[in-house]
Amino acid sequence: MPRLTMPVDPDRDHILGPEDAPVTLVEYGDFQCPHCGAAYPILESILKKMGNRIRFVYRHFPLTDAHPDAAHAAEASEAAAAQGKFWEMHHLLFEHQDALDGQSLRSYAVRLALDLDRFDRDLRDHLYAGRIRDDFSSGLRSGVNGTPTFFINGERYDLPWDDESWFVRALQEAQAL
């Protein structure tokens, strides 16, 4: 069973939930991937149900051959993160997967009241491309070959994620360990 090779790092990773949660769920995702888009509401529901018993980590794994806007959207999420709005941008990108072009990304930055000069400069200079490559590389080392790929407490989850009951059962079993 493949394992997560890069441990969760609160100083580096995008994390929702308490550090001492009994379950850590890591997603390697792509903002333009339709499967990640389908997983998004399921994850939102699970996070709500499990509350402070789960810590959720999002890492970038843009599949640029299939999804030409994925890397740019990932960079936009990192530019938003630099201004304290990663999760807000994350939600907008998944809720508007059909609009990830440059103009749309900028409109999301406006909606989030980001410093637009800084946002534009960060995207133009590809300031966060290295961060995204690091996530992608860590995913490859962990056996990620598609999106979404999930790890529960460091072990890759290979059962259905699109059936919430399977996913919740696996998370609850991990919580009991």
C-alpha atoms as a PDB file:
ATOM      1  CA  MET A   1       0.000   0.000   0.000  1.00  0.00           C
ATOM      2  CA  PRO A   2       1.562   3.330  -1.029  1.00  0.00           C
ATOM      3  CA  ARG A   3       2.256   5.743   1.796  1.00  0.00           C
ATOM      4  CA  LEU A   4       2.497   9.506   1.987  1.00  0.00           C
ATOM      5  CA  THR A   5       6.198  10.302   1.675  1.00  0.00           C
ATOM      6  CA  MET A   6       6.098  13.984   2.642  1.00  0.00           C
ATOM      7  CA  PRO A   7       4.615  14.358   6.134  1.00  0.00           C
ATOM      8  CA  VAL A   8       2.000  17.005   6.751  1.00  0.00           C
ATOM      9  CA  ASP A   9       3.716  20.239   7.723  1.00  0.00           C
ATOM     10  CA  PRO A  10       1.580  22.928   9.408  1.00  0.00           C
ATOM     11  CA  ASP A  11       4.078  25.586   8.302  1.00  0.00           C
ATOM     12  CA  ARG A  12       3.805  24.577   4.648  1.00  0.00           C
ATOM     13  CA  ASP A  13       0.551  22.763   3.952  1.00  0.00           C
ATOM     14  CA  HIS A  14      -2.967  24.144   3.553  1.00  0.00           C
ATOM     15  CA  ILE A  15      -4.853  22.611   6.465  1.00  0.00           C
ATOM     16  CA  LEU A  16      -8.417  22.702   7.751  1.00  0.00           C
ATOM     17  CA  GLY A  17      -9.085  21.221  11.166  1.00  0.00           C
ATOM     18  CA  PRO A  18      -7.167  20.760  14.382  1.00  0.00           C
ATOM     19  CA  GLU A  19      -3.579  19.550  14.418  1.00  0.00           C
ATOM     20  CA  ASP A  20      -4.462  16.869  16.979  1.00  0.00           C
ATOM     21  CA  ALA A  21      -7.410  15.443  15.025  1.00  0.00           C
ATOM     22  CA  PRO A  22      -7.374  11.621  15.074  1.00  0.00           C
ATOM     23  CA  VAL A  23      -7.764  11.496  11.279  1.00  0.00           C
ATOM     24  CA  THR A  24      -5.713  13.337   8.685  1.00  0.00           C
ATOM     25  CA  LEU A  25      -7.034  13.285   5.129  1.00  0.00           C
ATOM     26  CA  VAL A  26      -4.661  14.505   2.418  1.00  0.00           C
ATOM     27  CA  GLU A  27      -5.941  15.181  -1.091  1.00  0.00           C
ATOM     28  CA  TYR A  28      -3.722  15.554  -4.123  1.00  0.00           C
ATOM     29  CA  GLY A  29      -6.006  17.473  -6.431  1.00  0.00           C
ATOM     30  CA  ASP A  30      -6.357  19.459  -9.624  1.00  0.00           C
ATOM     31  CA  PHE A  31      -8.746  22.421  -9.745  1.00  0.00           C
ATOM     32  CA  GLN A  32      -9.778  21.619 -13.327  1.00  0.00           C
ATOM     33  CA  CYS A  33     -10.222  17.856 -12.865  1.00  0.00           C
ATOM     34  CA  PRO A  34     -13.899  16.875 -13.123  1.00  0.00           C
ATOM     35  CA  HIS A  35     -13.352  14.004 -10.661  1.00  0.00           C
ATOM     36  CA  CYS A  36     -11.887  16.437  -8.113  1.00  0.00           C
ATOM     37  CA  GLY A  37     -14.881  18.669  -8.772  1.00  0.00           C
ATOM     38  CA  ALA A  38     -17.201  15.728  -8.070  1.00  0.00           C
ATOM     39  CA  ALA A  39     -15.276  14.925  -4.869  1.00  0.00           C
ATOM     40  CA  TYR A  40     -15.450  18.520  -3.628  1.00  0.00           C
ATOM     41  CA  PRO A  41     -19.069  18.486  -2.286  1.00  0.00           C
ATOM     42  CA  ILE A  42     -18.536  15.010  -0.835  1.00  0.00           C
ATOM     43  CA  LEU A  43     -15.473  16.262   1.044  1.00  0.00           C
ATOM     44  CA  GLU A  44     -17.344  19.335   2.237  1.00  0.00           C
ATOM     45  CA  SER A  45     -20.085  17.103   3.621  1.00  0.00           C
ATOM     46  CA  ILE A  46     -17.600  14.767   5.314  1.00  0.00           C
ATOM     47  CA  LEU A  47     -15.656  17.653   6.858  1.00  0.00           C
ATOM     48  CA  LYS A  48     -18.877  19.081   8.248  1.00  0.00           C
ATOM     49  CA  LYS A  49     -19.998  15.714   9.654  1.00  0.00           C
ATOM     50  CA  MET A  50     -16.653  14.856  11.244  1.00  0.00           C
ATOM     51  CA  GLY A  51     -15.957  18.333  12.620  1.00  0.00           C
ATOM     52  CA  ASN A  52     -12.848  18.526  14.779  1.00  0.00           C
ATOM     53  CA  ARG A  53     -12.199  14.781  14.411  1.00  0.00           C
ATOM     54  CA  ILE A  54     -10.618  15.361  10.983  1.00  0.00           C
ATOM     55  CA  ARG A  55      -7.764  17.434   9.609  1.00  0.00           C
ATOM     56  CA  PHE A  56      -7.920  18.024   5.855  1.00  0.00           C
ATOM     57  CA  VAL A  57      -4.855  18.878   3.785  1.00  0.00           C
ATOM     58  CA  TYR A  58      -4.940  19.983   0.143  1.00  0.00           C
ATOM     59  CA  ARG A  59      -1.904  19.555  -2.120  1.00  0.00           C
ATOM     60  CA  HIS A  60      -1.577  20.447  -5.782  1.00  0.00           C
ATOM     61  CA  PHE A  61      -1.306  17.837  -8.509  1.00  0.00           C
ATOM     62  CA  PRO A  62      -2.255  19.677 -11.719  1.00  0.00           C
ATOM     63  CA  LEU A  63      -2.548  17.341 -14.691  1.00  0.00           C
ATOM     64  CA  THR A  64      -1.565  19.948 -17.246  1.00  0.00           C
ATOM     65  CA  ASP A  65      -1.717  17.651 -20.283  1.00  0.00           C
ATOM     66  CA  ALA A  66      -5.425  17.052 -19.699  1.00  0.00           C
ATOM     67  CA  HIS A  67      -6.273  20.294 -17.878  1.00  0.00           C
ATOM     68  CA  PRO A  68      -4.534  23.308 -19.418  1.00  0.00           C
ATOM     69  CA  ASP A  69      -5.794  25.805 -16.799  1.00  0.00           C
ATOM     70  CA  ALA A  70      -4.998  23.642 -13.755  1.00  0.00           C
ATOM     71  CA  ALA A  71      -1.485  24.935 -13.030  1.00  0.00           C
ATOM     72  CA  HIS A  72      -2.558  28.568 -13.436  1.00  0.00           C
ATOM     73  CA  ALA A  73      -5.509  27.975 -11.095  1.00  0.00           C
ATOM     74  CA  ALA A  74      -3.148  26.362  -8.570  1.00  0.00           C
ATOM     75  CA  GLU A  75      -0.893  29.417  -8.786  1.00  0.00           C
ATOM     76  CA  ALA A  76      -3.922  31.664  -8.225  1.00  0.00           C
ATOM     77  CA  SER A  77      -4.809  29.685  -5.097  1.00  0.00           C
ATOM     78  CA  GLU A  78      -1.263  30.162  -3.809  1.00  0.00           C
ATOM     79  CA  ALA A  79      -1.354  33.875  -4.615  1.00  0.00           C
ATOM     80  CA  ALA A  80      -4.582  34.039  -2.596  1.00  0.00           C
ATOM     81  CA  ALA A  81      -2.908  32.019   0.188  1.00  0.00           C
ATOM     82  CA  ALA A  82      -0.174  34.637   0.390  1.00  0.00           C
ATOM     83  CA  GLN A  83      -2.951  37.063   1.293  1.00  0.00           C
ATOM     84  CA  GLY A  84      -4.614  34.709   3.778  1.00  0.00           C
ATOM     85  CA  LYS A  85      -7.395  33.501   1.448  1.00  0.00           C
ATOM     86  CA  PHE A  86      -6.369  30.036   0.247  1.00  0.00           C
ATOM     87  CA  TRP A  87      -9.526  28.218   1.320  1.00  0.00           C
ATOM     88  CA  GLU A  88     -11.810  30.938  -0.015  1.00  0.00           C
ATOM     89  CA  MET A  89     -10.068  30.702  -3.415  1.00  0.00           C
ATOM     90  CA  HIS A  90     -10.060  26.884  -3.226  1.00  0.00           C
ATOM     91  CA  HIS A  91     -13.849  26.933  -2.825  1.00  0.00           C
ATOM     92  CA  LEU A  92     -14.364  29.389  -5.686  1.00  0.00           C
ATOM     93  CA  LEU A  93     -12.143  27.401  -8.045  1.00  0.00           C
ATOM     94  CA  PHE A  94     -14.005  24.155  -7.410  1.00  0.00           C
ATOM     95  CA  GLU A  95     -17.393  25.867  -7.553  1.00  0.00           C
ATOM     96  CA  HIS A  96     -16.493  27.442 -10.923  1.00  0.00           C
ATOM     97  CA  GLN A  97     -14.382  24.762 -12.588  1.00  0.00           C
ATOM     98  CA  ASP A  98     -15.718  25.762 -15.990  1.00  0.00           C
ATOM     99  CA  ALA A  99     -14.166  29.245 -15.649  1.00  0.00           C
ATOM    100  CA  LEU A 100     -10.461  29.043 -14.783  1.00  0.00           C
ATOM    101  CA  ASP A 101      -9.065  31.366 -17.441  1.00  0.00           C
ATOM    102  CA  GLY A 102      -6.999  34.387 -16.429  1.00  0.00           C
ATOM    103  CA  GLN A 103      -9.902  36.826 -16.494  1.00  0.00           C
ATOM    104  CA  SER A 104     -12.013  34.553 -14.284  1.00  0.00           C
ATOM    105  CA  LEU A 105      -9.182  34.021 -11.821  1.00  0.00           C
ATOM    106  CA  ARG A 106      -8.776  37.786 -11.530  1.00  0.00           C
ATOM    107  CA  SER A 107     -12.532  38.185 -10.962  1.00  0.00           C
ATOM    108  CA  TYR A 108     -12.265  35.722  -8.050  1.00  0.00           C
ATOM    109  CA  ALA A 109      -9.412  37.789  -6.637  1.00  0.00           C
ATOM    110  CA  VAL A 110     -11.662  40.873  -6.849  1.00  0.00           C
ATOM    111  CA  ARG A 111     -14.460  38.954  -5.141  1.00  0.00           C
ATOM    112  CA  LEU A 112     -12.089  38.004  -2.303  1.00  0.00           C
ATOM    113  CA  ALA A 113     -10.893  41.624  -1.978  1.00  0.00           C
ATOM    114  CA  LEU A 114      -7.282  40.641  -2.631  1.00  0.00           C
ATOM    115  CA  ASP A 115      -4.576  43.184  -3.358  1.00  0.00           C
ATOM    116  CA  LEU A 116      -4.930  42.967  -7.145  1.00  0.00           C
ATOM    117  CA  ASP A 117      -1.536  44.449  -7.982  1.00  0.00           C
ATOM    118  CA  ARG A 118       0.143  41.837  -5.811  1.00  0.00           C
ATOM    119  CA  PHE A 119      -2.086  39.033  -7.153  1.00  0.00           C
ATOM    120  CA  ASP A 120      -1.392  40.017 -10.774  1.00  0.00           C
ATOM    121  CA  ARG A 121       2.346  40.310 -10.130  1.00  0.00           C
ATOM    122  CA  ASP A 122       2.489  36.940  -8.345  1.00  0.00           C
ATOM    123  CA  LEU A 123       0.756  35.229 -11.283  1.00  0.00           C
ATOM    124  CA  ARG A 124       2.770  37.054 -13.932  1.00  0.00           C
ATOM    125  CA  ASP A 125       6.047  36.134 -12.206  1.00  0.00           C
ATOM    126  CA  HIS A 126       4.904  32.544 -11.503  1.00  0.00           C
ATOM    127  CA  LEU A 127       5.961  33.162  -7.917  1.00  0.00           C
ATOM    128  CA  TYR A 128       4.380  29.927  -6.666  1.00  0.00           C
ATOM    129  CA  ALA A 129       5.195  27.572  -9.545  1.00  0.00           C
ATOM    130  CA  GLY A 130       7.965  25.987  -7.464  1.00  0.00           C
ATOM    131  CA  ARG A 131       5.573  25.294  -4.614  1.00  0.00           C
ATOM    132  CA  ILE A 132       3.199  23.552  -6.993  1.00  0.00           C
ATOM    133  CA  ARG A 133       6.052  21.508  -8.499  1.00  0.00           C
ATOM    134  CA  ASP A 134       7.074  20.481  -4.959  1.00  0.00           C
ATOM    135  CA  ASP A 135       3.542  19.250  -4.224  1.00  0.00           C
ATOM    136  CA  PHE A 136       3.438  17.420  -7.553  1.00  0.00           C
ATOM    137  CA  SER A 137       6.826  15.778  -6.920  1.00  0.00           C
ATOM    138  CA  SER A 138       5.805  14.702  -3.432  1.00  0.00           C
ATOM    139  CA  GLY A 139       2.683  13.175  -4.949  1.00  0.00           C
ATOM    140  CA  LEU A 140       4.718  11.220  -7.494  1.00  0.00           C
ATOM    141  CA  ARG A 141       6.993   9.920  -4.716  1.00  0.00           C
ATOM    142  CA  SER A 142       3.857   8.833  -2.832  1.00  0.00           C
ATOM    143  CA  GLY A 143       2.479   6.906  -5.808  1.00  0.00           C
ATOM    144  CA  VAL A 144      -0.042   9.499  -7.009  1.00  0.00           C
ATOM    145  CA  ASN A 145      -0.819   8.983 -10.692  1.00  0.00           C
ATOM    146  CA  GLY A 146      -4.199  10.657 -11.021  1.00  0.00           C
ATOM    147  CA  THR A 147      -6.604  12.976  -9.277  1.00  0.00           C
ATOM    148  CA  PRO A 148      -8.090  13.010  -6.826  1.00  0.00           C
ATOM    149  CA  THR A 149      -5.815  10.793  -4.752  1.00  0.00           C
ATOM    150  CA  PHE A 150      -6.417  10.582  -1.026  1.00  0.00           C
ATOM    151  CA  PHE A 151      -4.314   9.498   1.916  1.00  0.00           C
ATOM    152  CA  ILE A 152      -5.875   8.683   5.275  1.00  0.00           C
ATOM    153  CA  ASN A 153      -3.416   8.904   8.146  1.00  0.00           C
ATOM    154  CA  GLY A 154      -0.576   8.474   5.676  1.00  0.00           C
ATOM    155  CA  GLU A 155      -1.928   5.481   3.737  1.00  0.00           C
ATOM    156  CA  ARG A 156      -3.346   5.794   0.255  1.00  0.00           C
ATOM    157  CA  TYR A 157      -7.094   5.277   0.115  1.00  0.00           C
ATOM    158  CA  ASP A 158      -7.946   3.217  -2.967  1.00  0.00           C
ATOM    159  CA  LEU A 159     -11.613   2.417  -2.322  1.00  0.00           C
ATOM    160  CA  PRO A 160     -14.480   4.455  -3.797  1.00  0.00           C
ATOM    161  CA  TRP A 161     -14.450   8.119  -2.825  1.00  0.00           C
ATOM    162  CA  ASP A 162     -17.572   8.937  -4.815  1.00  0.00           C
ATOM    163  CA  ASP A 163     -19.722   6.910  -2.415  1.00  0.00           C
ATOM    164  CA  GLU A 164     -19.732   8.954   0.757  1.00  0.00           C
ATOM    165  CA  SER A 165     -20.611   5.958   2.945  1.00  0.00           C
ATOM    166  CA  TRP A 166     -17.455   4.056   1.883  1.00  0.00           C
ATOM    167  CA  PHE A 167     -15.304   7.098   2.449  1.00  0.00           C
ATOM    168  CA  VAL A 168     -16.838   7.904   5.843  1.00  0.00           C
ATOM    169  CA  ARG A 169     -16.456   4.278   6.940  1.00  0.00           C
ATOM    170  CA  ALA A 170     -12.737   4.353   6.072  1.00  0.00           C
ATOM    171  CA  LEU A 171     -12.288   7.632   7.946  1.00  0.00           C
ATOM    172  CA  GLN A 172     -14.147   6.310  10.976  1.00  0.00           C
ATOM    173  CA  GLU A 173     -12.034   3.141  10.964  1.00  0.00           C
ATOM    174  CA  ALA A 174      -8.890   5.278  10.858  1.00  0.00           C
ATOM    175  CA  GLN A 175     -10.229   7.317  13.770  1.00  0.00           C
ATOM    176  CA  ALA A 176     -10.710   4.143  15.827  1.00  0.00           C
ATOM    177  CA  LEU A 177      -7.083   3.004  15.361  1.00  0.00           C
END
